[in-house]
Amino acid sequence: MKKLYILVIVLFVFTGCKKSSTSENTIIGKWKITQELAIYYVNNVEVYREILALSGGANSYVEFKPDGSFILNGSVNGSYITYTGTYILTNNNTSLRTTITGSSPGPDQLFTFVDNNTFTTSNTATGGGTTTYIKNGVNYTANGETVITTFVRF
């Protein structure tokens, strides 16, 4: 009977110490930009959508570190660039604000986890300027733009 009692305690200890199988969504880690979707507006009415060409290929990534810093590596106009800065999740982890070292904080971007390995950001700019785009060979000017960027964990 004593052996059975010890066996029960041992089983209880090992099953009680089992790691949790639930994983929490976290931005910490290395992420690859897989898609950027631009949506253009004229007077708040959507007029055009396009998938933007991603530059930099497999070498482009952003890494969010536990200390609130990030590194962005990529290619812009054929030149390889590295930016560093800080980030913060605001509004109950639904907005992402980044600040590149030496710059003012960027605008808050809507931040959404799709699953543990994918998240999107959405940044909308209206007023204060225009964006010219080409659709079917014709130049158009939009006064608002939303860019939705999809990131996948390495």
C-alpha atoms as a PDB file:
ATOM      1  CA  MET A   1       0.000   0.000   0.000  1.00  0.00           C
ATOM      2  CA  LYS A   2       2.878   2.356   0.832  1.00  0.00           C
ATOM      3  CA  LYS A   3       4.405   1.728  -2.651  1.00  0.00           C
ATOM      4  CA  LEU A   4       1.067   2.572  -4.288  1.00  0.00           C
ATOM      5  CA  TYR A   5       0.875   5.791  -2.272  1.00  0.00           C
ATOM      6  CA  ILE A   6       4.413   6.799  -3.395  1.00  0.00           C
ATOM      7  CA  LEU A   7       3.569   5.939  -7.017  1.00  0.00           C
ATOM      8  CA  VAL A   8       0.453   8.128  -6.872  1.00  0.00           C
ATOM      9  CA  ILE A   9       2.492  11.038  -5.436  1.00  0.00           C
ATOM     10  CA  VAL A  10       5.183  10.650  -8.124  1.00  0.00           C
ATOM     11  CA  LEU A  11       2.550  10.585 -10.890  1.00  0.00           C
ATOM     12  CA  PHE A  12       0.849  13.635  -9.371  1.00  0.00           C
ATOM     13  CA  VAL A  13       4.140  15.565  -9.217  1.00  0.00           C
ATOM     14  CA  PHE A  14       5.068  14.777 -12.826  1.00  0.00           C
ATOM     15  CA  THR A  15       1.642  15.537 -14.236  1.00  0.00           C
ATOM     16  CA  GLY A  16       1.341  18.653 -12.073  1.00  0.00           C
ATOM     17  CA  CYS A  17       4.656  20.003 -13.413  1.00  0.00           C
ATOM     18  CA  LYS A  18       3.714  19.523 -17.035  1.00  0.00           C
ATOM     19  CA  LYS A  19       4.337  22.573 -19.194  1.00  0.00           C
ATOM     20  CA  SER A  20       1.277  24.447 -20.330  1.00  0.00           C
ATOM     21  CA  SER A  21       0.291  23.657 -23.895  1.00  0.00           C
ATOM     22  CA  THR A  22      -1.258  27.064 -24.434  1.00  0.00           C
ATOM     23  CA  SER A  23       1.045  29.590 -26.047  1.00  0.00           C
ATOM     24  CA  GLU A  24       0.523  33.297 -25.835  1.00  0.00           C
ATOM     25  CA  ASN A  25       0.787  35.471 -28.920  1.00  0.00           C
ATOM     26  CA  THR A  26       3.958  37.512 -28.681  1.00  0.00           C
ATOM     27  CA  ILE A  27       5.592  39.945 -31.054  1.00  0.00           C
ATOM     28  CA  ILE A  28       9.037  39.070 -29.703  1.00  0.00           C
ATOM     29  CA  GLY A  29      11.058  37.300 -32.380  1.00  0.00           C
ATOM     30  CA  LYS A  30      12.154  37.574 -36.002  1.00  0.00           C
ATOM     31  CA  TRP A  31       9.500  38.324 -38.649  1.00  0.00           C
ATOM     32  CA  LYS A  32       9.551  38.378 -42.452  1.00  0.00           C
ATOM     33  CA  ILE A  33       7.337  40.811 -44.366  1.00  0.00           C
ATOM     34  CA  THR A  34       5.333  38.641 -46.751  1.00  0.00           C
ATOM     35  CA  GLN A  35       2.873  41.124 -48.273  1.00  0.00           C
ATOM     36  CA  GLU A  36       1.997  44.790 -48.413  1.00  0.00           C
ATOM     37  CA  LEU A  37      -1.454  45.738 -49.671  1.00  0.00           C
ATOM     38  CA  ALA A  38      -2.090  49.395 -50.524  1.00  0.00           C
ATOM     39  CA  ILE A  39      -5.667  50.691 -50.655  1.00  0.00           C
ATOM     40  CA  TYR A  40      -6.194  54.148 -52.167  1.00  0.00           C
ATOM     41  CA  TYR A  41      -9.082  56.501 -51.410  1.00  0.00           C
ATOM     42  CA  VAL A  42     -10.538  59.658 -52.923  1.00  0.00           C
ATOM     43  CA  ASN A  43     -12.684  61.548 -50.399  1.00  0.00           C
ATOM     44  CA  ASN A  44     -12.881  58.427 -48.179  1.00  0.00           C
ATOM     45  CA  VAL A  45     -14.131  56.187 -51.019  1.00  0.00           C
ATOM     46  CA  GLU A  46     -11.927  53.256 -52.003  1.00  0.00           C
ATOM     47  CA  VAL A  47     -10.829  53.617 -55.612  1.00  0.00           C
ATOM     48  CA  TYR A  48      -7.994  51.138 -56.070  1.00  0.00           C
ATOM     49  CA  ARG A  49      -6.035  48.287 -54.429  1.00  0.00           C
ATOM     50  CA  GLU A  50      -2.636  46.902 -55.273  1.00  0.00           C
ATOM     51  CA  ILE A  51      -0.123  44.447 -53.849  1.00  0.00           C
ATOM     52  CA  LEU A  52       3.124  46.343 -53.453  1.00  0.00           C
ATOM     53  CA  ALA A  53       6.370  44.801 -54.656  1.00  0.00           C
ATOM     54  CA  LEU A  54       8.507  43.691 -51.734  1.00  0.00           C
ATOM     55  CA  SER A  55      12.169  44.526 -52.004  1.00  0.00           C
ATOM     56  CA  GLY A  56      14.986  42.810 -50.208  1.00  0.00           C
ATOM     57  CA  GLY A  57      13.868  39.204 -50.563  1.00  0.00           C
ATOM     58  CA  ALA A  58      14.796  36.641 -47.934  1.00  0.00           C
ATOM     59  CA  ASN A  59      17.258  39.015 -46.270  1.00  0.00           C
ATOM     60  CA  SER A  60      14.525  41.465 -45.231  1.00  0.00           C
ATOM     61  CA  TYR A  61      13.187  41.080 -41.722  1.00  0.00           C
ATOM     62  CA  VAL A  62      12.270  42.854 -38.521  1.00  0.00           C
ATOM     63  CA  GLU A  63      13.260  41.490 -35.131  1.00  0.00           C
ATOM     64  CA  PHE A  64      11.422  42.611 -31.999  1.00  0.00           C
ATOM     65  CA  LYS A  65      13.439  42.063 -28.816  1.00  0.00           C
ATOM     66  CA  PRO A  66      12.151  41.572 -25.243  1.00  0.00           C
ATOM     67  CA  ASP A  67      13.752  44.857 -24.099  1.00  0.00           C
ATOM     68  CA  GLY A  68      11.471  46.936 -26.379  1.00  0.00           C
ATOM     69  CA  SER A  69      14.017  47.428 -29.165  1.00  0.00           C
ATOM     70  CA  PHE A  70      13.868  46.298 -32.778  1.00  0.00           C
ATOM     71  CA  ILE A  71      16.149  45.821 -35.788  1.00  0.00           C
ATOM     72  CA  LEU A  72      14.836  46.232 -39.336  1.00  0.00           C
ATOM     73  CA  ASN A  73      16.964  44.887 -42.184  1.00  0.00           C
ATOM     74  CA  GLY A  74      15.931  45.290 -45.781  1.00  0.00           C
ATOM     75  CA  SER A  75      16.528  46.801 -49.159  1.00  0.00           C
ATOM     76  CA  VAL A  76      15.324  50.185 -50.374  1.00  0.00           C
ATOM     77  CA  ASN A  77      15.943  51.205 -53.990  1.00  0.00           C
ATOM     78  CA  GLY A  78      18.620  48.546 -54.344  1.00  0.00           C
ATOM     79  CA  SER A  79      20.555  49.560 -51.221  1.00  0.00           C
ATOM     80  CA  TYR A  80      20.669  47.344 -48.141  1.00  0.00           C
ATOM     81  CA  ILE A  81      19.639  49.225 -44.990  1.00  0.00           C
ATOM     82  CA  THR A  82      19.504  48.511 -41.275  1.00  0.00           C
ATOM     83  CA  TYR A  83      17.364  50.534 -38.888  1.00  0.00           C
ATOM     84  CA  THR A  84      17.253  50.203 -35.133  1.00  0.00           C
ATOM     85  CA  GLY A  85      14.753  51.649 -32.732  1.00  0.00           C
ATOM     86  CA  THR A  86      12.180  50.994 -30.066  1.00  0.00           C
ATOM     87  CA  TYR A  87       8.625  49.698 -30.112  1.00  0.00           C
ATOM     88  CA  ILE A  88       5.656  49.606 -27.811  1.00  0.00           C
ATOM     89  CA  LEU A  89       2.290  47.870 -28.034  1.00  0.00           C
ATOM     90  CA  THR A  90      -0.485  50.242 -26.941  1.00  0.00           C
ATOM     91  CA  ASN A  91      -4.281  50.152 -26.581  1.00  0.00           C
ATOM     92  CA  ASN A  92      -4.377  46.665 -24.994  1.00  0.00           C
ATOM     93  CA  ASN A  93      -1.908  45.297 -27.564  1.00  0.00           C
ATOM     94  CA  THR A  94      -3.988  46.386 -30.562  1.00  0.00           C
ATOM     95  CA  SER A  95      -1.655  49.171 -31.754  1.00  0.00           C
ATOM     96  CA  LEU A  96       2.050  49.115 -32.563  1.00  0.00           C
ATOM     97  CA  ARG A  97       4.174  52.267 -32.292  1.00  0.00           C
ATOM     98  CA  THR A  98       7.767  52.225 -33.519  1.00  0.00           C
ATOM     99  CA  THR A  99      10.462  54.867 -33.227  1.00  0.00           C
ATOM    100  CA  ILE A 100      13.520  54.619 -35.452  1.00  0.00           C
ATOM    101  CA  THR A 101      16.664  55.748 -33.640  1.00  0.00           C
ATOM    102  CA  GLY A 102      17.147  59.468 -34.242  1.00  0.00           C
ATOM    103  CA  SER A 103      13.561  60.020 -35.439  1.00  0.00           C
ATOM    104  CA  SER A 104      10.239  61.004 -33.925  1.00  0.00           C
ATOM    105  CA  PRO A 105       7.798  58.220 -33.018  1.00  0.00           C
ATOM    106  CA  GLY A 106       5.878  56.899 -36.002  1.00  0.00           C
ATOM    107  CA  PRO A 107       2.091  56.792 -36.050  1.00  0.00           C
ATOM    108  CA  ASP A 108       0.270  54.035 -34.181  1.00  0.00           C
ATOM    109  CA  GLN A 109      -0.572  51.188 -36.527  1.00  0.00           C
ATOM    110  CA  LEU A 110      -3.493  48.826 -36.007  1.00  0.00           C
ATOM    111  CA  PHE A 111      -1.919  45.557 -34.870  1.00  0.00           C
ATOM    112  CA  THR A 112      -3.643  42.162 -35.166  1.00  0.00           C
ATOM    113  CA  PHE A 113      -2.431  38.610 -34.581  1.00  0.00           C
ATOM    114  CA  VAL A 114      -3.804  36.243 -37.226  1.00  0.00           C
ATOM    115  CA  ASP A 115      -2.290  33.301 -35.329  1.00  0.00           C
ATOM    116  CA  ASN A 116       0.863  32.655 -33.253  1.00  0.00           C
ATOM    117  CA  ASN A 117       3.064  32.929 -36.350  1.00  0.00           C
ATOM    118  CA  THR A 118       1.370  35.722 -38.319  1.00  0.00           C
ATOM    119  CA  PHE A 119       0.383  39.310 -37.594  1.00  0.00           C
ATOM    120  CA  THR A 120      -0.698  42.322 -39.629  1.00  0.00           C
ATOM    121  CA  THR A 121      -0.289  46.049 -39.223  1.00  0.00           C
ATOM    122  CA  SER A 122      -2.480  48.675 -40.831  1.00  0.00           C
ATOM    123  CA  ASN A 123      -1.500  52.303 -41.269  1.00  0.00           C
ATOM    124  CA  THR A 124      -3.868  54.885 -42.755  1.00  0.00           C
ATOM    125  CA  ALA A 125      -2.811  58.299 -44.008  1.00  0.00           C
ATOM    126  CA  THR A 126      -5.392  60.898 -45.011  1.00  0.00           C
ATOM    127  CA  GLY A 127      -5.075  64.564 -45.762  1.00  0.00           C
ATOM    128  CA  GLY A 128      -1.789  66.396 -45.805  1.00  0.00           C
ATOM    129  CA  GLY A 129      -0.839  65.065 -49.216  1.00  0.00           C
ATOM    130  CA  THR A 130      -1.769  62.938 -52.154  1.00  0.00           C
ATOM    131  CA  THR A 131      -0.610  59.680 -53.698  1.00  0.00           C
ATOM    132  CA  THR A 132      -0.412  59.209 -57.435  1.00  0.00           C
ATOM    133  CA  TYR A 133      -0.955  55.714 -58.764  1.00  0.00           C
ATOM    134  CA  ILE A 134      -1.359  54.203 -62.203  1.00  0.00           C
ATOM    135  CA  LYS A 135      -4.331  52.034 -63.094  1.00  0.00           C
ATOM    136  CA  ASN A 136      -4.699  50.679 -66.639  1.00  0.00           C
ATOM    137  CA  GLY A 137      -2.105  53.161 -67.875  1.00  0.00           C
ATOM    138  CA  VAL A 138      -3.916  56.206 -66.442  1.00  0.00           C
ATOM    139  CA  ASN A 139      -2.501  58.364 -63.615  1.00  0.00           C
ATOM    140  CA  TYR A 140      -4.845  58.909 -60.658  1.00  0.00           C
ATOM    141  CA  THR A 141      -4.429  60.954 -57.500  1.00  0.00           C
ATOM    142  CA  ALA A 142      -5.742  59.711 -54.175  1.00  0.00           C
ATOM    143  CA  ASN A 143      -5.980  61.780 -51.002  1.00  0.00           C
ATOM    144  CA  GLY A 144      -5.937  58.802 -48.631  1.00  0.00           C
ATOM    145  CA  GLU A 145      -4.071  55.530 -48.392  1.00  0.00           C
ATOM    146  CA  THR A 146      -4.073  52.479 -46.127  1.00  0.00           C
ATOM    147  CA  VAL A 147      -1.199  50.009 -46.174  1.00  0.00           C
ATOM    148  CA  ILE A 148      -1.775  46.594 -44.626  1.00  0.00           C
ATOM    149  CA  THR A 149       1.433  44.666 -44.024  1.00  0.00           C
ATOM    150  CA  THR A 150       1.566  40.948 -43.226  1.00  0.00           C
ATOM    151  CA  PHE A 151       4.429  39.485 -41.171  1.00  0.00           C
ATOM    152  CA  VAL A 152       5.264  35.788 -40.715  1.00  0.00           C
ATOM    153  CA  ARG A 153       7.545  34.446 -37.984  1.00  0.00           C
ATOM    154  CA  PHE A 154      10.893  32.994 -39.163  1.00  0.00           C
END
